[in-house]
Amino acid sequence: MKRTHEDIQDELLVLLSQEGDPDALKTLIARWQPRLGRLAWRLTADRDAARDIAQETWLAIVRGLRRLDDPARFRSWAYRIVRNKCSDWTRRRVVRRSGPDDLRDTAAKGSAESSSQMDSADELARLREALTNLPVEQRAILSLHYLDGMGIAEIARVFGVPRGTVKSRLYHARNRLKQTLERTAS
């Protein structure tokens, strides 16, 4: 995997944070809070829960940052913490099978839009609802791969499984999403 300027900057921020630099930690949080929050929202479909999970994640990150041996693995390490916190949240709560409130808002706004924009909004709402109805692990693997641009090897580190397992899970998640979308299209 080719390292970008942002990757190198994140690694430097992690190293400085590990040494106790409060400004580096603030910058790291500012850069990563939106990403971790988005992942938590994708996995829970609950904005309040996502906010709480992101906060819990930062507490865990701050407590464990000094033990992170390889700053280049910060992204997969942080995403793994989010995934674990979301799994804990899911176990503690009965998962609601209805889509998040903003899907209904999107559909309501769509009525005021042009026909093509409404079709796009409807398709996006259908896709979000289908994702919401997937099991948490499948939703996570699709989100990490397609929305966060993570490769198979990095996802394997997040889940703590071999690469072949990630490929298999990604294949099954795509198929389940496809079947869900086909059912809702009929």
N, C-alpha and C. Protein backbone atom coordinates (compact mmCIF):
# COMPACT_ATOMS: atom_id res chain seq x y z
N MET A 1 0.84 -1.17 0.00
CA MET A 1 0.00 0.00 0.00
C MET A 1 0.89 1.24 0.00
N LYS A 2 0.61 2.15 -0.88
CA LYS A 2 1.39 3.37 -0.99
C LYS A 2 0.96 4.36 0.10
N ARG A 3 1.94 4.90 0.79
CA ARG A 3 1.65 5.87 1.85
C ARG A 3 1.48 7.25 1.25
N THR A 4 0.44 7.94 1.69
CA THR A 4 0.16 9.28 1.21
C THR A 4 0.73 10.30 2.21
N HIS A 5 0.67 11.55 1.82
CA HIS A 5 1.09 12.64 2.70
C HIS A 5 0.26 12.61 3.99
N GLU A 6 -1.05 12.35 3.86
CA GLU A 6 -1.92 12.29 5.04
C GLU A 6 -1.54 11.13 5.96
N ASP A 7 -1.17 9.99 5.37
CA ASP A 7 -0.74 8.84 6.18
C ASP A 7 0.48 9.20 7.01
N ILE A 8 1.44 9.85 6.38
CA ILE A 8 2.68 10.24 7.06
C ILE A 8 2.38 11.26 8.16
N GLN A 9 1.48 12.20 7.85
CA GLN A 9 1.11 13.21 8.84
C GLN A 9 0.43 12.55 10.05
N ASP A 10 -0.46 11.57 9.79
CA ASP A 10 -1.12 10.84 10.88
C ASP A 10 -0.09 10.10 11.74
N GLU A 11 0.88 9.46 11.08
CA GLU A 11 1.91 8.73 11.82
C GLU A 11 2.70 9.67 12.72
N LEU A 12 3.04 10.85 12.21
CA LEU A 12 3.77 11.84 13.00
C LEU A 12 2.91 12.29 14.19
N LEU A 13 1.62 12.54 13.95
CA LEU A 13 0.73 12.94 15.04
C LEU A 13 0.62 11.86 16.11
N VAL A 14 0.58 10.60 15.69
CA VAL A 14 0.52 9.50 16.64
C VAL A 14 1.80 9.47 17.47
N LEU A 15 2.95 9.56 16.81
CA LEU A 15 4.22 9.55 17.53
C LEU A 15 4.32 10.69 18.54
N LEU A 16 3.93 11.89 18.11
CA LEU A 16 3.98 13.05 19.00
C LEU A 16 2.99 12.88 20.16
N SER A 17 1.81 12.33 19.86
CA SER A 17 0.81 12.08 20.92
C SER A 17 1.32 11.06 21.91
N GLN A 18 2.01 10.05 21.43
CA GLN A 18 2.57 9.03 22.31
C GLN A 18 3.62 9.63 23.25
N GLU A 19 4.26 10.68 22.78
CA GLU A 19 5.27 11.36 23.61
C GLU A 19 4.65 12.39 24.54
N GLY A 20 3.32 12.55 24.47
CA GLY A 20 2.64 13.45 25.40
C GLY A 20 2.34 14.84 24.87
N ASP A 21 2.46 15.07 23.58
CA ASP A 21 2.18 16.39 23.00
C ASP A 21 0.66 16.59 22.90
N PRO A 22 0.08 17.48 23.73
CA PRO A 22 -1.37 17.66 23.73
C PRO A 22 -1.90 18.28 22.42
N ASP A 23 -1.11 19.12 21.78
CA ASP A 23 -1.54 19.73 20.52
C ASP A 23 -1.63 18.68 19.41
N ALA A 24 -0.69 17.75 19.41
CA ALA A 24 -0.72 16.68 18.41
C ALA A 24 -1.95 15.81 18.62
N LEU A 25 -2.28 15.52 19.87
CA LEU A 25 -3.47 14.72 20.17
C LEU A 25 -4.73 15.45 19.72
N LYS A 26 -4.80 16.75 19.99
CA LYS A 26 -5.97 17.54 19.55
C LYS A 26 -6.12 17.51 18.04
N THR A 27 -5.01 17.62 17.34
CA THR A 27 -5.04 17.59 15.88
C THR A 27 -5.45 16.21 15.38
N LEU A 28 -4.92 15.17 16.01
CA LEU A 28 -5.29 13.79 15.65
C LEU A 28 -6.79 13.58 15.84
N ILE A 29 -7.31 14.04 16.95
CA ILE A 29 -8.75 13.91 17.22
C ILE A 29 -9.55 14.68 16.18
N ALA A 30 -9.14 15.89 15.89
CA ALA A 30 -9.86 16.71 14.91
C ALA A 30 -9.89 16.04 13.53
N ARG A 31 -8.78 15.40 13.17
CA ARG A 31 -8.70 14.73 11.86
C ARG A 31 -9.53 13.45 11.82
N TRP A 32 -9.58 12.73 12.93
CA TRP A 32 -10.18 11.40 12.92
C TRP A 32 -11.58 11.31 13.51
N GLN A 33 -11.99 12.27 14.28
CA GLN A 33 -13.33 12.22 14.89
C GLN A 33 -14.44 12.04 13.84
N PRO A 34 -14.44 12.80 12.75
CA PRO A 34 -15.52 12.61 11.76
C PRO A 34 -15.51 11.21 11.15
N ARG A 35 -14.34 10.67 10.87
CA ARG A 35 -14.25 9.34 10.25
C ARG A 35 -14.75 8.25 11.20
N LEU A 36 -14.34 8.33 12.45
CA LEU A 36 -14.75 7.33 13.42
C LEU A 36 -16.25 7.44 13.69
N GLY A 37 -16.74 8.66 13.74
CA GLY A 37 -18.18 8.87 13.93
C GLY A 37 -19.00 8.33 12.77
N ARG A 38 -18.50 8.55 11.54
CA ARG A 38 -19.22 8.03 10.37
C ARG A 38 -19.27 6.51 10.38
N LEU A 39 -18.16 5.88 10.73
CA LEU A 39 -18.15 4.42 10.78
C LEU A 39 -19.12 3.93 11.85
N ALA A 40 -19.10 4.55 13.01
CA ALA A 40 -20.03 4.15 14.08
C ALA A 40 -21.47 4.33 13.62
N TRP A 41 -21.76 5.41 12.92
CA TRP A 41 -23.13 5.63 12.42
C TRP A 41 -23.51 4.56 11.40
N ARG A 42 -22.58 4.23 10.50
CA ARG A 42 -22.86 3.21 9.51
C ARG A 42 -23.14 1.86 10.16
N LEU A 43 -22.47 1.58 11.25
CA LEU A 43 -22.64 0.28 11.90
C LEU A 43 -23.84 0.21 12.82
N THR A 44 -24.27 1.35 13.35
CA THR A 44 -25.39 1.34 14.29
C THR A 44 -26.67 1.91 13.70
N ALA A 45 -26.56 2.75 12.69
CA ALA A 45 -27.71 3.47 12.12
C ALA A 45 -28.43 4.29 13.18
N ASP A 46 -27.70 4.74 14.17
CA ASP A 46 -28.27 5.54 15.26
C ASP A 46 -27.28 6.66 15.57
N ARG A 47 -27.68 7.88 15.24
CA ARG A 47 -26.76 9.03 15.39
C ARG A 47 -26.31 9.24 16.84
N ASP A 48 -27.23 9.13 17.78
CA ASP A 48 -26.87 9.32 19.19
C ASP A 48 -25.89 8.24 19.64
N ALA A 49 -26.18 7.01 19.28
CA ALA A 49 -25.29 5.91 19.64
C ALA A 49 -23.93 6.11 18.99
N ALA A 50 -23.91 6.55 17.73
CA ALA A 50 -22.65 6.77 17.02
C ALA A 50 -21.81 7.82 17.73
N ARG A 51 -22.45 8.89 18.19
CA ARG A 51 -21.73 9.94 18.92
C ARG A 51 -21.13 9.38 20.21
N ASP A 52 -21.94 8.61 20.95
CA ASP A 52 -21.45 8.01 22.19
C ASP A 52 -20.31 7.03 21.93
N ILE A 53 -20.47 6.23 20.89
CA ILE A 53 -19.44 5.25 20.55
C ILE A 53 -18.14 5.94 20.14
N ALA A 54 -18.26 7.02 19.39
CA ALA A 54 -17.05 7.76 18.99
C ALA A 54 -16.33 8.30 20.23
N GLN A 55 -17.10 8.79 21.21
CA GLN A 55 -16.48 9.28 22.45
C GLN A 55 -15.80 8.14 23.21
N GLU A 56 -16.50 7.00 23.33
CA GLU A 56 -15.92 5.84 24.00
C GLU A 56 -14.66 5.38 23.28
N THR A 57 -14.69 5.46 21.96
CA THR A 57 -13.53 5.06 21.16
C THR A 57 -12.34 5.95 21.49
N TRP A 58 -12.57 7.26 21.58
CA TRP A 58 -11.46 8.16 21.88
C TRP A 58 -10.90 7.92 23.27
N LEU A 59 -11.76 7.58 24.20
CA LEU A 59 -11.25 7.24 25.54
C LEU A 59 -10.32 6.03 25.46
N ALA A 60 -10.75 5.02 24.70
CA ALA A 60 -9.93 3.82 24.53
C ALA A 60 -8.64 4.13 23.78
N ILE A 61 -8.73 4.98 22.77
CA ILE A 61 -7.53 5.34 22.00
C ILE A 61 -6.53 6.08 22.88
N VAL A 62 -7.01 7.06 23.63
CA VAL A 62 -6.10 7.84 24.49
C VAL A 62 -5.45 6.93 25.53
N ARG A 63 -6.23 6.02 26.10
CA ARG A 63 -5.68 5.09 27.10
C ARG A 63 -4.65 4.14 26.50
N GLY A 64 -4.87 3.72 25.25
CA GLY A 64 -4.01 2.69 24.67
C GLY A 64 -3.00 3.17 23.65
N LEU A 65 -2.98 4.46 23.38
CA LEU A 65 -2.12 4.99 22.31
C LEU A 65 -0.64 4.68 22.54
N ARG A 66 -0.20 4.75 23.76
CA ARG A 66 1.23 4.49 24.04
C ARG A 66 1.61 3.05 23.74
N ARG A 67 0.62 2.14 23.76
CA ARG A 67 0.91 0.73 23.48
C ARG A 67 0.87 0.40 21.99
N LEU A 68 0.46 1.34 21.16
CA LEU A 68 0.42 1.11 19.71
C LEU A 68 1.86 1.11 19.19
N ASP A 69 2.34 -0.06 18.80
CA ASP A 69 3.75 -0.20 18.39
C ASP A 69 4.05 0.44 17.04
N ASP A 70 3.10 0.34 16.10
CA ASP A 70 3.34 0.82 14.74
C ASP A 70 2.36 1.94 14.41
N PRO A 71 2.81 3.19 14.42
CA PRO A 71 1.91 4.30 14.12
C PRO A 71 1.22 4.20 12.75
N ALA A 72 1.81 3.45 11.83
CA ALA A 72 1.20 3.28 10.51
C ALA A 72 -0.09 2.46 10.60
N ARG A 73 -0.28 1.76 11.69
CA ARG A 73 -1.48 0.95 11.86
C ARG A 73 -2.56 1.66 12.67
N PHE A 74 -2.41 2.95 12.87
CA PHE A 74 -3.39 3.69 13.66
C PHE A 74 -4.79 3.55 13.07
N ARG A 75 -4.92 3.71 11.76
CA ARG A 75 -6.24 3.67 11.13
C ARG A 75 -6.95 2.35 11.39
N SER A 76 -6.28 1.25 11.13
CA SER A 76 -6.93 -0.05 11.33
C SER A 76 -7.17 -0.31 12.82
N TRP A 77 -6.28 0.15 13.67
CA TRP A 77 -6.44 -0.01 15.11
C TRP A 77 -7.65 0.78 15.61
N ALA A 78 -7.76 2.03 15.19
CA ALA A 78 -8.88 2.88 15.61
C ALA A 78 -10.21 2.32 15.07
N TYR A 79 -10.23 1.89 13.81
CA TYR A 79 -11.45 1.32 13.25
C TYR A 79 -11.85 0.03 13.96
N ARG A 80 -10.86 -0.72 14.38
CA ARG A 80 -11.17 -1.96 15.11
C ARG A 80 -11.82 -1.64 16.45
N ILE A 81 -11.34 -0.60 17.11
CA ILE A 81 -11.94 -0.19 18.37
C ILE A 81 -13.39 0.24 18.14
N VAL A 82 -13.64 1.02 17.09
CA VAL A 82 -15.02 1.43 16.77
C VAL A 82 -15.88 0.20 16.52
N ARG A 83 -15.36 -0.72 15.73
CA ARG A 83 -16.13 -1.93 15.41
C ARG A 83 -16.47 -2.70 16.68
N ASN A 84 -15.51 -2.83 17.57
CA ASN A 84 -15.75 -3.55 18.82
C ASN A 84 -16.77 -2.82 19.70
N LYS A 85 -16.67 -1.49 19.76
CA LYS A 85 -17.63 -0.72 20.56
C LYS A 85 -19.04 -0.84 19.97
N CYS A 86 -19.13 -0.86 18.64
CA CYS A 86 -20.44 -1.02 18.00
C CYS A 86 -21.00 -2.42 18.26
N SER A 87 -20.14 -3.41 18.25
CA SER A 87 -20.59 -4.77 18.56
C SER A 87 -21.11 -4.85 19.99
N ASP A 88 -20.42 -4.19 20.91
CA ASP A 88 -20.88 -4.15 22.30
C ASP A 88 -22.25 -3.48 22.38
N TRP A 89 -22.40 -2.36 21.68
CA TRP A 89 -23.67 -1.63 21.68
C TRP A 89 -24.79 -2.50 21.12
N THR A 90 -24.51 -3.21 20.03
CA THR A 90 -25.51 -4.07 19.41
C THR A 90 -25.92 -5.19 20.35
N ARG A 91 -24.97 -5.77 21.03
CA ARG A 91 -25.30 -6.84 21.98
C ARG A 91 -26.17 -6.33 23.12
N ARG A 92 -25.97 -5.08 23.53
CA ARG A 92 -26.73 -4.52 24.65
C ARG A 92 -28.13 -4.07 24.25
N ARG A 93 -28.39 -3.99 23.00
CA ARG A 93 -29.64 -3.39 22.55
C ARG A 93 -30.27 -4.20 21.43
N VAL A 94 -31.57 -4.19 21.37
CA VAL A 94 -32.27 -4.85 20.27
C VAL A 94 -32.13 -3.94 19.06
N VAL A 95 -31.61 -4.49 17.97
CA VAL A 95 -31.38 -3.68 16.78
C VAL A 95 -32.71 -3.34 16.14
N ARG A 96 -32.92 -2.06 15.95
CA ARG A 96 -34.13 -1.62 15.24
C ARG A 96 -33.97 -1.92 13.76
N ARG A 97 -35.00 -2.49 13.17
CA ARG A 97 -34.94 -2.86 11.76
C ARG A 97 -35.43 -1.75 10.84
N SER A 98 -35.91 -0.66 11.40
CA SER A 98 -36.32 0.45 10.54
C SER A 98 -35.10 1.31 10.25
N GLY A 99 -35.15 2.04 9.15
CA GLY A 99 -34.03 2.89 8.77
C GLY A 99 -33.91 4.07 9.70
N PRO A 100 -32.78 4.74 9.70
CA PRO A 100 -32.60 5.92 10.55
C PRO A 100 -33.54 7.04 10.14
N ASP A 101 -33.78 7.96 11.07
CA ASP A 101 -34.73 9.06 10.84
C ASP A 101 -34.39 9.87 9.60
N ASP A 102 -33.11 10.04 9.32
CA ASP A 102 -32.75 10.89 8.18
C ASP A 102 -33.15 10.27 6.85
N LEU A 103 -33.41 8.95 6.79
CA LEU A 103 -33.89 8.35 5.55
C LEU A 103 -35.30 8.84 5.26
N ARG A 104 -36.12 8.92 6.30
CA ARG A 104 -37.48 9.44 6.10
C ARG A 104 -37.43 10.91 5.69
N ASP A 105 -36.51 11.67 6.30
CA ASP A 105 -36.35 13.07 5.93
C ASP A 105 -35.93 13.20 4.47
N THR A 106 -35.00 12.35 4.03
CA THR A 106 -34.53 12.38 2.66
C THR A 106 -35.68 12.10 1.70
N ALA A 107 -36.49 11.12 2.03
CA ALA A 107 -37.63 10.78 1.18
C ALA A 107 -38.63 11.94 1.14
N ALA A 108 -38.85 12.60 2.28
CA ALA A 108 -39.79 13.72 2.32
C ALA A 108 -39.27 14.89 1.49
N LYS A 109 -37.98 15.16 1.58
CA LYS A 109 -37.39 16.24 0.79
C LYS A 109 -37.43 15.91 -0.70
N GLY A 110 -37.34 14.63 -1.01
CA GLY A 110 -37.33 14.20 -2.40
C GLY A 110 -38.58 14.61 -3.15
N SER A 111 -39.71 14.74 -2.46
CA SER A 111 -40.95 15.08 -3.15
C SER A 111 -40.90 16.48 -3.75
N ALA A 112 -40.05 17.34 -3.21
CA ALA A 112 -39.93 18.69 -3.72
C ALA A 112 -38.88 18.81 -4.82
N GLU A 113 -38.16 17.74 -5.07
CA GLU A 113 -37.09 17.78 -6.05
C GLU A 113 -37.59 17.34 -7.41
N SER A 114 -36.74 17.54 -8.41
CA SER A 114 -37.10 17.09 -9.75
C SER A 114 -37.16 15.57 -9.79
N SER A 115 -37.71 15.02 -10.83
CA SER A 115 -37.91 13.58 -10.95
C SER A 115 -36.60 12.80 -10.87
N SER A 116 -35.58 13.26 -11.60
CA SER A 116 -34.31 12.53 -11.60
C SER A 116 -33.63 12.61 -10.24
N GLN A 117 -33.70 13.77 -9.59
CA GLN A 117 -33.11 13.90 -8.26
C GLN A 117 -33.87 13.03 -7.26
N MET A 118 -35.20 12.94 -7.44
CA MET A 118 -36.00 12.14 -6.55
C MET A 118 -35.65 10.66 -6.71
N ASP A 119 -35.43 10.24 -7.96
CA ASP A 119 -35.04 8.86 -8.20
C ASP A 119 -33.71 8.56 -7.51
N SER A 120 -32.77 9.49 -7.61
CA SER A 120 -31.47 9.30 -6.95
C SER A 120 -31.63 9.25 -5.44
N ALA A 121 -32.46 10.13 -4.89
CA ALA A 121 -32.69 10.14 -3.45
C ALA A 121 -33.36 8.84 -3.01
N ASP A 122 -34.31 8.36 -3.81
CA ASP A 122 -34.98 7.10 -3.50
C ASP A 122 -34.01 5.94 -3.53
N GLU A 123 -33.15 5.93 -4.54
CA GLU A 123 -32.17 4.85 -4.65
C GLU A 123 -31.18 4.90 -3.48
N LEU A 124 -30.75 6.09 -3.12
CA LEU A 124 -29.84 6.24 -1.99
C LEU A 124 -30.52 5.78 -0.70
N ALA A 125 -31.77 6.17 -0.51
CA ALA A 125 -32.51 5.75 0.68
C ALA A 125 -32.67 4.23 0.69
N ARG A 126 -32.96 3.66 -0.46
CA ARG A 126 -33.10 2.19 -0.56
C ARG A 126 -31.78 1.50 -0.22
N LEU A 127 -30.69 2.04 -0.74
CA LEU A 127 -29.37 1.47 -0.45
C LEU A 127 -29.05 1.59 1.04
N ARG A 128 -29.29 2.74 1.63
CA ARG A 128 -29.03 2.92 3.06
C ARG A 128 -29.88 1.98 3.90
N GLU A 129 -31.14 1.83 3.52
CA GLU A 129 -32.01 0.92 4.27
C GLU A 129 -31.52 -0.52 4.13
N ALA A 130 -31.12 -0.90 2.91
CA ALA A 130 -30.61 -2.26 2.70
C ALA A 130 -29.36 -2.48 3.53
N LEU A 131 -28.48 -1.50 3.58
CA LEU A 131 -27.27 -1.61 4.41
C LEU A 131 -27.63 -1.73 5.88
N THR A 132 -28.62 -0.96 6.31
CA THR A 132 -29.06 -1.00 7.70
C THR A 132 -29.56 -2.39 8.09
N ASN A 133 -30.16 -3.09 7.13
CA ASN A 133 -30.73 -4.40 7.42
C ASN A 133 -29.71 -5.53 7.35
N LEU A 134 -28.48 -5.24 6.94
CA LEU A 134 -27.43 -6.26 6.93
C LEU A 134 -26.93 -6.48 8.35
N PRO A 135 -26.39 -7.67 8.60
CA PRO A 135 -25.74 -7.87 9.91
C PRO A 135 -24.58 -6.88 10.07
N VAL A 136 -24.30 -6.53 11.30
CA VAL A 136 -23.29 -5.51 11.61
C VAL A 136 -21.96 -5.81 10.93
N GLU A 137 -21.50 -7.04 10.99
CA GLU A 137 -20.20 -7.37 10.42
C GLU A 137 -20.18 -7.15 8.90
N GLN A 138 -21.26 -7.52 8.22
CA GLN A 138 -21.31 -7.31 6.77
C GLN A 138 -21.37 -5.83 6.44
N ARG A 139 -22.13 -5.08 7.22
CA ARG A 139 -22.22 -3.63 7.02
C ARG A 139 -20.83 -3.01 7.22
N ALA A 140 -20.13 -3.49 8.23
CA ALA A 140 -18.79 -2.95 8.53
C ALA A 140 -17.82 -3.22 7.39
N ILE A 141 -17.81 -4.44 6.90
CA ILE A 141 -16.83 -4.80 5.87
C ILE A 141 -17.11 -4.05 4.57
N LEU A 142 -18.38 -3.87 4.22
CA LEU A 142 -18.71 -3.10 3.02
C LEU A 142 -18.34 -1.63 3.21
N SER A 143 -18.61 -1.08 4.37
CA SER A 143 -18.29 0.32 4.65
C SER A 143 -16.79 0.57 4.60
N LEU A 144 -16.04 -0.30 5.25
CA LEU A 144 -14.59 -0.11 5.28
C LEU A 144 -14.00 -0.20 3.88
N HIS A 145 -14.50 -1.15 3.09
CA HIS A 145 -13.93 -1.36 1.75
C HIS A 145 -14.36 -0.27 0.77
N TYR A 146 -15.65 -0.01 0.68
CA TYR A 146 -16.15 0.90 -0.35
C TYR A 146 -16.22 2.36 0.07
N LEU A 147 -16.52 2.62 1.32
CA LEU A 147 -16.67 4.01 1.74
C LEU A 147 -15.38 4.59 2.30
N ASP A 148 -14.57 3.76 2.96
CA ASP A 148 -13.32 4.24 3.53
C ASP A 148 -12.11 3.87 2.67
N GLY A 149 -12.33 3.08 1.62
CA GLY A 149 -11.26 2.76 0.69
C GLY A 149 -10.18 1.86 1.25
N MET A 150 -10.51 1.06 2.25
CA MET A 150 -9.51 0.17 2.84
C MET A 150 -9.34 -1.07 1.97
N GLY A 151 -8.12 -1.54 1.88
CA GLY A 151 -7.82 -2.75 1.14
C GLY A 151 -8.07 -4.00 1.99
N ILE A 152 -7.98 -5.13 1.33
CA ILE A 152 -8.24 -6.42 1.99
C ILE A 152 -7.31 -6.62 3.20
N ALA A 153 -6.02 -6.34 3.03
CA ALA A 153 -5.05 -6.56 4.11
C ALA A 153 -5.36 -5.70 5.33
N GLU A 154 -5.73 -4.45 5.10
CA GLU A 154 -6.01 -3.57 6.22
C GLU A 154 -7.31 -3.98 6.93
N ILE A 155 -8.31 -4.38 6.16
CA ILE A 155 -9.56 -4.86 6.76
C ILE A 155 -9.28 -6.12 7.58
N ALA A 156 -8.38 -6.96 7.08
CA ALA A 156 -8.01 -8.17 7.82
C ALA A 156 -7.43 -7.80 9.19
N ARG A 157 -6.64 -6.73 9.24
CA ARG A 157 -6.09 -6.27 10.53
C ARG A 157 -7.19 -5.75 11.44
N VAL A 158 -8.16 -5.02 10.86
CA VAL A 158 -9.27 -4.49 11.67
C VAL A 158 -10.05 -5.63 12.31
N PHE A 159 -10.34 -6.67 11.53
CA PHE A 159 -11.15 -7.78 12.02
C PHE A 159 -10.33 -8.85 12.71
N GLY A 160 -9.01 -8.80 12.55
CA GLY A 160 -8.16 -9.81 13.16
C GLY A 160 -8.33 -11.19 12.55
N VAL A 161 -8.53 -11.21 11.23
CA VAL A 161 -8.73 -12.48 10.51
C VAL A 161 -7.81 -12.52 9.30
N PRO A 162 -7.63 -13.71 8.69
CA PRO A 162 -6.81 -13.80 7.48
C PRO A 162 -7.44 -13.07 6.30
N ARG A 163 -6.63 -12.72 5.32
CA ARG A 163 -7.10 -11.99 4.13
C ARG A 163 -8.16 -12.78 3.38
N GLY A 164 -7.97 -14.09 3.27
CA GLY A 164 -8.94 -14.93 2.57
C GLY A 164 -10.32 -14.86 3.21
N THR A 165 -10.34 -14.75 4.53
CA THR A 165 -11.61 -14.62 5.25
C THR A 165 -12.29 -13.30 4.90
N VAL A 166 -11.50 -12.24 4.79
CA VAL A 166 -12.06 -10.94 4.41
C VAL A 166 -12.66 -11.01 3.01
N LYS A 167 -11.93 -11.64 2.09
CA LYS A 167 -12.44 -11.78 0.72
C LYS A 167 -13.76 -12.53 0.71
N SER A 168 -13.82 -13.61 1.46
CA SER A 168 -15.04 -14.41 1.54
C SER A 168 -16.19 -13.60 2.15
N ARG A 169 -15.91 -12.90 3.23
CA ARG A 169 -16.95 -12.10 3.90
C ARG A 169 -17.42 -10.96 3.00
N LEU A 170 -16.49 -10.36 2.28
CA LEU A 170 -16.85 -9.29 1.36
C LEU A 170 -17.75 -9.83 0.24
N TYR A 171 -17.42 -10.99 -0.27
CA TYR A 171 -18.22 -11.64 -1.31
C TYR A 171 -19.64 -11.90 -0.80
N HIS A 172 -19.75 -12.47 0.39
CA HIS A 172 -21.07 -12.80 0.95
C HIS A 172 -21.86 -11.52 1.29
N ALA A 173 -21.17 -10.50 1.76
CA ALA A 173 -21.85 -9.24 2.07
C ALA A 173 -22.40 -8.59 0.80
N ARG A 174 -21.62 -8.61 -0.27
CA ARG A 174 -22.10 -8.07 -1.56
C ARG A 174 -23.33 -8.83 -2.04
N ASN A 175 -23.26 -10.16 -1.95
CA ASN A 175 -24.39 -10.97 -2.40
C ASN A 175 -25.64 -10.70 -1.58
N ARG A 176 -25.47 -10.59 -0.27
CA ARG A 176 -26.64 -10.33 0.59
C ARG A 176 -27.21 -8.95 0.30
N LEU A 177 -26.36 -7.97 0.10
CA LEU A 177 -26.83 -6.62 -0.23
C LEU A 177 -27.57 -6.65 -1.56
N LYS A 178 -27.03 -7.34 -2.53
CA LYS A 178 -27.67 -7.45 -3.83
C LYS A 178 -29.05 -8.10 -3.71
N GLN A 179 -29.14 -9.19 -2.95
CA GLN A 179 -30.44 -9.85 -2.76
C GLN A 179 -31.43 -8.94 -2.06
N THR A 180 -30.98 -8.21 -1.07
CA THR A 180 -31.85 -7.28 -0.34
C THR A 180 -32.37 -6.20 -1.28
N LEU A 181 -31.48 -5.66 -2.10
CA LEU A 181 -31.88 -4.61 -3.03
C LEU A 181 -32.84 -5.15 -4.09
N GLU A 182 -32.61 -6.37 -4.55
CA GLU A 182 -33.52 -6.97 -5.54
C GLU A 182 -34.90 -7.20 -4.96
N ARG A 183 -34.96 -7.60 -3.69
CA ARG A 183 -36.27 -7.82 -3.04
C ARG A 183 -37.03 -6.53 -2.89
N THR A 184 -36.34 -5.44 -2.54
CA THR A 184 -37.03 -4.17 -2.33
C THR A 184 -37.40 -3.50 -3.65
N ALA A 185 -36.76 -3.90 -4.74
CA ALA A 185 -37.06 -3.30 -6.06
C ALA A 185 -38.36 -3.88 -6.64
N SER A 186 -38.71 -5.09 -6.22
CA SER A 186 -39.90 -5.72 -6.80
C SER A 186 -41.17 -5.13 -6.29
